[in-house]
Structure formats: C-alpha cells, structure tokens
Amino acid sequence: MDERPVYYPERCQNCQTCVVRERCPTNAYQETLNTRKCFGCGMCTYSCPYAAFEMKHGKIPFKTDDKIIEVPIICRQSDIKRARELADELKKRIQNGEFYIKQW
C-alpha cells in the first residue's frame, strides 16, 4: 500500500497563497504532487482547507461531550516499519542536501 497522499486537482481552488506549498517540508507539491519527493508526512492533508489531498489511513471515533466524531488518521505512528523507512529516506535526503525545511 502506498502511504503517500492522493491529490485531487479538481478540489484545488488555486489559492493565491497556497498553504500546502508553503508547508510541504520536501517541496513535493508545486502544480502537482511529485511522489518522488513526497515521503508521506501528511502535512498537505492537514493543511489544505479544500481537501485536495487525502491519505487513505482511515478514521478513528473520538467522543466529545455528547457526540462522536470521526477523526482522520494522518500519519500512522504505530506503523514502525513504515516509520523506519521514512526515517531512512529522510536521513538520505538530508545527507544529500535534498531536504529543505521552510520557516513558517
């Protein structure tokens, strides 16, 4: 299973200041999602107000006061195998000078 987000261009509102473009730690999103740069952190799914990005990890029920809401799982921290793969990939990108952290 590919753990990276799915991009739905029809949902994109072409915001003048794209929050996803500003927050993506690997600059994987410009006009499209570059899956070679993306390592599946989920920042785009969290940031886009128009839900142009989705990650298919499912949802968990969360009880608040008297109602239950479903909260999407953005990044599965319990998936230790995938977490190690992501950490190794990130380490390689840092060592190769391919990882740029934007200040926001």
N, C-alpha and C. Protein backbone atom coordinates (compact mmCIF):
# COMPACT_ATOMS: atom_id res chain seq x y z
N MET A 1 0.83 -1.18 0.00
CA MET A 1 0.00 0.00 0.00
C MET A 1 0.88 1.25 0.00
N ASP A 2 0.59 2.17 -0.88
CA ASP A 2 1.32 3.43 -0.95
C ASP A 2 0.80 4.35 0.15
N GLU A 3 1.67 4.79 1.02
CA GLU A 3 1.29 5.60 2.18
C GLU A 3 1.27 7.10 1.89
N ARG A 4 1.55 7.47 0.66
CA ARG A 4 1.57 8.90 0.33
C ARG A 4 0.17 9.39 -0.01
N PRO A 5 -0.03 10.70 0.04
CA PRO A 5 -1.37 11.24 -0.22
C PRO A 5 -1.77 11.12 -1.69
N VAL A 6 -3.08 11.21 -1.89
CA VAL A 6 -3.64 11.26 -3.24
C VAL A 6 -4.05 12.71 -3.46
N TYR A 7 -3.70 13.25 -4.62
CA TYR A 7 -4.02 14.64 -4.95
C TYR A 7 -5.23 14.67 -5.87
N TYR A 8 -6.22 15.49 -5.53
CA TYR A 8 -7.43 15.66 -6.33
C TYR A 8 -7.43 17.08 -6.90
N PRO A 9 -6.88 17.27 -8.10
CA PRO A 9 -6.75 18.63 -8.66
C PRO A 9 -8.09 19.34 -8.83
N GLU A 10 -9.17 18.60 -9.02
CA GLU A 10 -10.48 19.24 -9.19
C GLU A 10 -10.96 19.93 -7.91
N ARG A 11 -10.40 19.56 -6.77
CA ARG A 11 -10.76 20.20 -5.50
C ARG A 11 -9.91 21.44 -5.22
N CYS A 12 -8.78 21.55 -5.88
CA CYS A 12 -7.86 22.66 -5.65
C CYS A 12 -8.52 23.97 -6.09
N GLN A 13 -8.42 24.98 -5.24
CA GLN A 13 -9.01 26.28 -5.54
C GLN A 13 -7.97 27.29 -6.03
N ASN A 14 -6.75 26.81 -6.29
CA ASN A 14 -5.66 27.67 -6.78
C ASN A 14 -5.53 28.94 -5.94
N CYS A 15 -5.41 28.73 -4.65
CA CYS A 15 -5.29 29.85 -3.71
C CYS A 15 -4.09 30.71 -4.07
N GLN A 16 -4.23 32.01 -3.90
CA GLN A 16 -3.14 32.92 -4.20
C GLN A 16 -1.90 32.56 -3.37
N THR A 17 -2.12 32.29 -2.10
CA THR A 17 -1.04 31.81 -1.24
C THR A 17 -1.40 30.39 -0.83
N CYS A 18 -0.78 29.42 -1.47
CA CYS A 18 -1.08 28.02 -1.21
C CYS A 18 -0.39 27.57 0.08
N VAL A 19 -1.19 27.23 1.07
CA VAL A 19 -0.66 26.80 2.37
C VAL A 19 0.13 25.50 2.23
N VAL A 20 -0.34 24.61 1.38
CA VAL A 20 0.35 23.34 1.17
C VAL A 20 1.75 23.59 0.60
N ARG A 21 1.83 24.45 -0.38
CA ARG A 21 3.12 24.77 -1.00
C ARG A 21 4.08 25.37 0.03
N GLU A 22 3.54 26.17 0.94
CA GLU A 22 4.37 26.79 1.97
C GLU A 22 4.82 25.80 3.04
N ARG A 23 3.98 24.83 3.36
CA ARG A 23 4.26 23.94 4.48
C ARG A 23 4.92 22.61 4.12
N CYS A 24 4.85 22.20 2.88
CA CYS A 24 5.42 20.91 2.50
C CYS A 24 6.92 20.90 2.77
N PRO A 25 7.40 20.02 3.65
CA PRO A 25 8.81 20.04 4.03
C PRO A 25 9.77 19.61 2.92
N THR A 26 9.26 18.94 1.89
CA THR A 26 10.14 18.48 0.81
C THR A 26 9.86 19.20 -0.51
N ASN A 27 8.97 20.19 -0.49
CA ASN A 27 8.56 20.89 -1.71
C ASN A 27 8.02 19.93 -2.76
N ALA A 28 7.32 18.91 -2.31
CA ALA A 28 6.79 17.89 -3.23
C ALA A 28 5.59 18.39 -4.02
N TYR A 29 4.93 19.44 -3.53
CA TYR A 29 3.78 19.96 -4.26
C TYR A 29 4.11 21.33 -4.84
N GLN A 30 4.01 21.42 -6.15
CA GLN A 30 4.10 22.71 -6.83
C GLN A 30 2.78 22.88 -7.58
N GLU A 31 2.68 22.44 -8.80
CA GLU A 31 1.40 22.44 -9.51
C GLU A 31 0.74 21.07 -9.43
N THR A 32 1.55 20.06 -9.19
CA THR A 32 1.07 18.70 -8.99
C THR A 32 1.87 18.10 -7.83
N LEU A 33 1.51 16.90 -7.43
CA LEU A 33 2.22 16.23 -6.34
C LEU A 33 3.32 15.36 -6.93
N ASN A 34 4.55 15.66 -6.57
CA ASN A 34 5.70 14.88 -7.02
C ASN A 34 5.90 13.75 -6.02
N THR A 35 5.46 12.56 -6.38
CA THR A 35 5.53 11.43 -5.45
C THR A 35 6.95 10.94 -5.21
N ARG A 36 7.90 11.38 -6.03
CA ARG A 36 9.29 11.01 -5.79
C ARG A 36 9.88 11.83 -4.65
N LYS A 37 9.37 13.05 -4.45
CA LYS A 37 9.84 13.89 -3.35
C LYS A 37 9.04 13.65 -2.07
N CYS A 38 7.79 13.28 -2.23
CA CYS A 38 6.88 13.11 -1.09
C CYS A 38 7.27 11.88 -0.27
N PHE A 39 7.33 12.05 1.06
CA PHE A 39 7.60 10.89 1.90
C PHE A 39 6.42 10.55 2.81
N GLY A 40 5.27 11.16 2.57
CA GLY A 40 4.05 10.76 3.25
C GLY A 40 3.85 11.30 4.64
N CYS A 41 4.32 12.51 4.92
CA CYS A 41 4.18 13.07 6.27
C CYS A 41 2.74 13.47 6.59
N GLY A 42 1.95 13.78 5.57
CA GLY A 42 0.55 14.15 5.78
C GLY A 42 0.31 15.63 5.98
N MET A 43 1.35 16.45 5.90
CA MET A 43 1.18 17.89 6.11
C MET A 43 0.19 18.49 5.11
N CYS A 44 0.20 18.01 3.88
CA CYS A 44 -0.72 18.54 2.87
C CYS A 44 -2.18 18.23 3.23
N THR A 45 -2.43 17.02 3.70
CA THR A 45 -3.81 16.66 4.04
C THR A 45 -4.30 17.46 5.23
N TYR A 46 -3.40 17.78 6.12
CA TYR A 46 -3.74 18.57 7.30
C TYR A 46 -3.94 20.05 6.94
N SER A 47 -3.16 20.54 5.98
CA SER A 47 -3.11 21.97 5.69
C SER A 47 -4.15 22.47 4.69
N CYS A 48 -4.49 21.67 3.70
CA CYS A 48 -5.37 22.16 2.63
C CYS A 48 -6.81 22.32 3.11
N PRO A 49 -7.34 23.55 3.07
CA PRO A 49 -8.72 23.76 3.54
C PRO A 49 -9.78 23.22 2.58
N TYR A 50 -9.38 22.82 1.37
CA TYR A 50 -10.33 22.32 0.38
C TYR A 50 -10.24 20.81 0.17
N ALA A 51 -9.49 20.13 1.02
CA ALA A 51 -9.35 18.67 0.97
C ALA A 51 -8.88 18.17 -0.40
N ALA A 52 -7.94 18.90 -0.99
CA ALA A 52 -7.39 18.49 -2.28
C ALA A 52 -6.43 17.31 -2.14
N PHE A 53 -6.06 16.99 -0.91
CA PHE A 53 -5.16 15.87 -0.63
C PHE A 53 -5.82 14.95 0.39
N GLU A 54 -5.68 13.66 0.18
CA GLU A 54 -6.21 12.68 1.12
C GLU A 54 -5.21 11.56 1.31
N MET A 55 -5.18 11.05 2.52
CA MET A 55 -4.39 9.86 2.80
C MET A 55 -5.38 8.80 3.26
N LYS A 56 -5.26 7.62 2.74
CA LYS A 56 -6.23 6.55 2.99
C LYS A 56 -5.83 5.69 4.19
N HIS A 57 -5.74 6.31 5.35
CA HIS A 57 -5.39 5.57 6.55
C HIS A 57 -6.61 5.24 7.39
N GLY A 58 -7.73 5.78 7.03
CA GLY A 58 -8.94 5.53 7.79
C GLY A 58 -9.23 6.62 8.81
N LYS A 59 -10.18 6.34 9.67
CA LYS A 59 -10.60 7.30 10.69
C LYS A 59 -10.79 6.57 12.01
N ILE A 60 -10.69 7.32 13.09
CA ILE A 60 -10.96 6.73 14.40
C ILE A 60 -12.07 7.54 15.07
N PRO A 61 -12.95 6.86 15.81
CA PRO A 61 -14.01 7.59 16.51
C PRO A 61 -13.44 8.32 17.72
N PHE A 62 -13.92 9.52 17.95
CA PHE A 62 -13.46 10.34 19.06
C PHE A 62 -14.68 10.97 19.72
N LYS A 63 -14.85 10.71 21.01
CA LYS A 63 -16.03 11.21 21.71
C LYS A 63 -15.74 12.58 22.32
N THR A 64 -16.61 13.53 22.01
CA THR A 64 -16.52 14.87 22.59
C THR A 64 -17.87 15.19 23.21
N ASP A 65 -17.86 15.52 24.48
CA ASP A 65 -19.09 15.82 25.21
C ASP A 65 -20.16 14.76 24.94
N ASP A 66 -21.15 15.09 24.13
CA ASP A 66 -22.24 14.15 23.90
C ASP A 66 -22.31 13.62 22.47
N LYS A 67 -21.26 13.83 21.69
CA LYS A 67 -21.29 13.32 20.32
C LYS A 67 -19.97 12.64 19.97
N ILE A 68 -20.03 11.81 18.96
CA ILE A 68 -18.84 11.11 18.48
C ILE A 68 -18.52 11.64 17.08
N ILE A 69 -17.28 12.05 16.90
CA ILE A 69 -16.84 12.50 15.58
C ILE A 69 -15.76 11.55 15.08
N GLU A 70 -15.60 11.48 13.78
CA GLU A 70 -14.56 10.65 13.20
C GLU A 70 -13.37 11.54 12.83
N VAL A 71 -12.21 11.18 13.34
CA VAL A 71 -11.00 11.95 13.10
C VAL A 71 -10.13 11.17 12.12
N PRO A 72 -9.75 11.80 11.00
CA PRO A 72 -8.91 11.08 10.05
C PRO A 72 -7.51 10.83 10.62
N ILE A 73 -6.99 9.66 10.33
CA ILE A 73 -5.63 9.34 10.73
C ILE A 73 -4.72 9.90 9.65
N ILE A 74 -3.85 10.82 10.02
CA ILE A 74 -2.98 11.45 9.03
C ILE A 74 -1.70 10.66 8.84
N CYS A 75 -1.04 10.32 9.90
CA CYS A 75 0.20 9.56 9.80
C CYS A 75 0.18 8.49 10.88
N ARG A 76 0.23 7.25 10.47
CA ARG A 76 0.14 6.15 11.43
C ARG A 76 1.45 5.99 12.17
N GLN A 77 1.49 6.45 13.38
CA GLN A 77 2.70 6.33 14.16
C GLN A 77 2.94 4.90 14.62
N SER A 78 1.90 4.09 14.61
CA SER A 78 2.05 2.71 15.07
C SER A 78 2.69 1.82 14.00
N ASP A 79 2.84 2.33 12.81
CA ASP A 79 3.43 1.55 11.72
C ASP A 79 4.95 1.70 11.78
N ILE A 80 5.60 0.94 12.64
CA ILE A 80 7.03 1.09 12.89
C ILE A 80 7.86 0.80 11.64
N LYS A 81 7.44 -0.16 10.84
CA LYS A 81 8.19 -0.48 9.61
C LYS A 81 8.21 0.73 8.68
N ARG A 82 7.05 1.31 8.44
CA ARG A 82 6.97 2.48 7.57
C ARG A 82 7.70 3.68 8.19
N ALA A 83 7.60 3.83 9.50
CA ALA A 83 8.28 4.93 10.18
C ALA A 83 9.79 4.82 9.99
N ARG A 84 10.33 3.61 10.08
CA ARG A 84 11.77 3.42 9.88
C ARG A 84 12.17 3.70 8.43
N GLU A 85 11.32 3.27 7.49
CA GLU A 85 11.60 3.55 6.08
C GLU A 85 11.61 5.05 5.82
N LEU A 86 10.63 5.76 6.39
CA LEU A 86 10.56 7.21 6.23
C LEU A 86 11.77 7.88 6.86
N ALA A 87 12.17 7.41 8.03
CA ALA A 87 13.34 7.98 8.71
C ALA A 87 14.60 7.77 7.88
N ASP A 88 14.76 6.58 7.31
CA ASP A 88 15.93 6.31 6.46
C ASP A 88 15.93 7.19 5.22
N GLU A 89 14.76 7.33 4.60
CA GLU A 89 14.64 8.17 3.41
C GLU A 89 14.94 9.63 3.74
N LEU A 90 14.41 10.11 4.85
CA LEU A 90 14.66 11.48 5.27
C LEU A 90 16.15 11.70 5.55
N LYS A 91 16.78 10.75 6.21
CA LYS A 91 18.21 10.85 6.51
C LYS A 91 19.02 10.97 5.21
N LYS A 92 18.68 10.15 4.22
CA LYS A 92 19.38 10.20 2.92
C LYS A 92 19.20 11.57 2.28
N ARG A 93 17.97 12.08 2.32
CA ARG A 93 17.71 13.39 1.70
C ARG A 93 18.47 14.50 2.40
N ILE A 94 18.56 14.43 3.71
CA ILE A 94 19.31 15.43 4.46
C ILE A 94 20.79 15.34 4.10
N GLN A 95 21.33 14.13 4.09
CA GLN A 95 22.74 13.94 3.77
C GLN A 95 23.08 14.38 2.35
N ASN A 96 22.14 14.22 1.43
CA ASN A 96 22.36 14.61 0.03
C ASN A 96 22.02 16.07 -0.23
N GLY A 97 21.61 16.79 0.82
CA GLY A 97 21.26 18.20 0.65
C GLY A 97 19.96 18.41 -0.10
N GLU A 98 19.08 17.40 -0.10
CA GLU A 98 17.82 17.47 -0.84
C GLU A 98 16.63 17.84 0.04
N PHE A 99 16.87 18.06 1.30
CA PHE A 99 15.77 18.35 2.23
C PHE A 99 15.92 19.76 2.75
N TYR A 100 14.91 20.56 2.51
CA TYR A 100 14.92 21.95 2.93
C TYR A 100 13.74 22.19 3.85
N ILE A 101 14.00 22.68 5.03
CA ILE A 101 12.92 22.98 5.97
C ILE A 101 12.60 24.46 5.87
N LYS A 102 11.36 24.74 5.52
CA LYS A 102 10.92 26.13 5.42
C LYS A 102 10.56 26.65 6.80
N GLN A 103 10.86 27.88 7.04
CA GLN A 103 10.47 28.54 8.29
C GLN A 103 9.12 29.18 8.07
N TRP A 104 8.12 28.86 8.91
CA TRP A 104 6.79 29.47 8.79
C TRP A 104 6.21 29.71 10.13
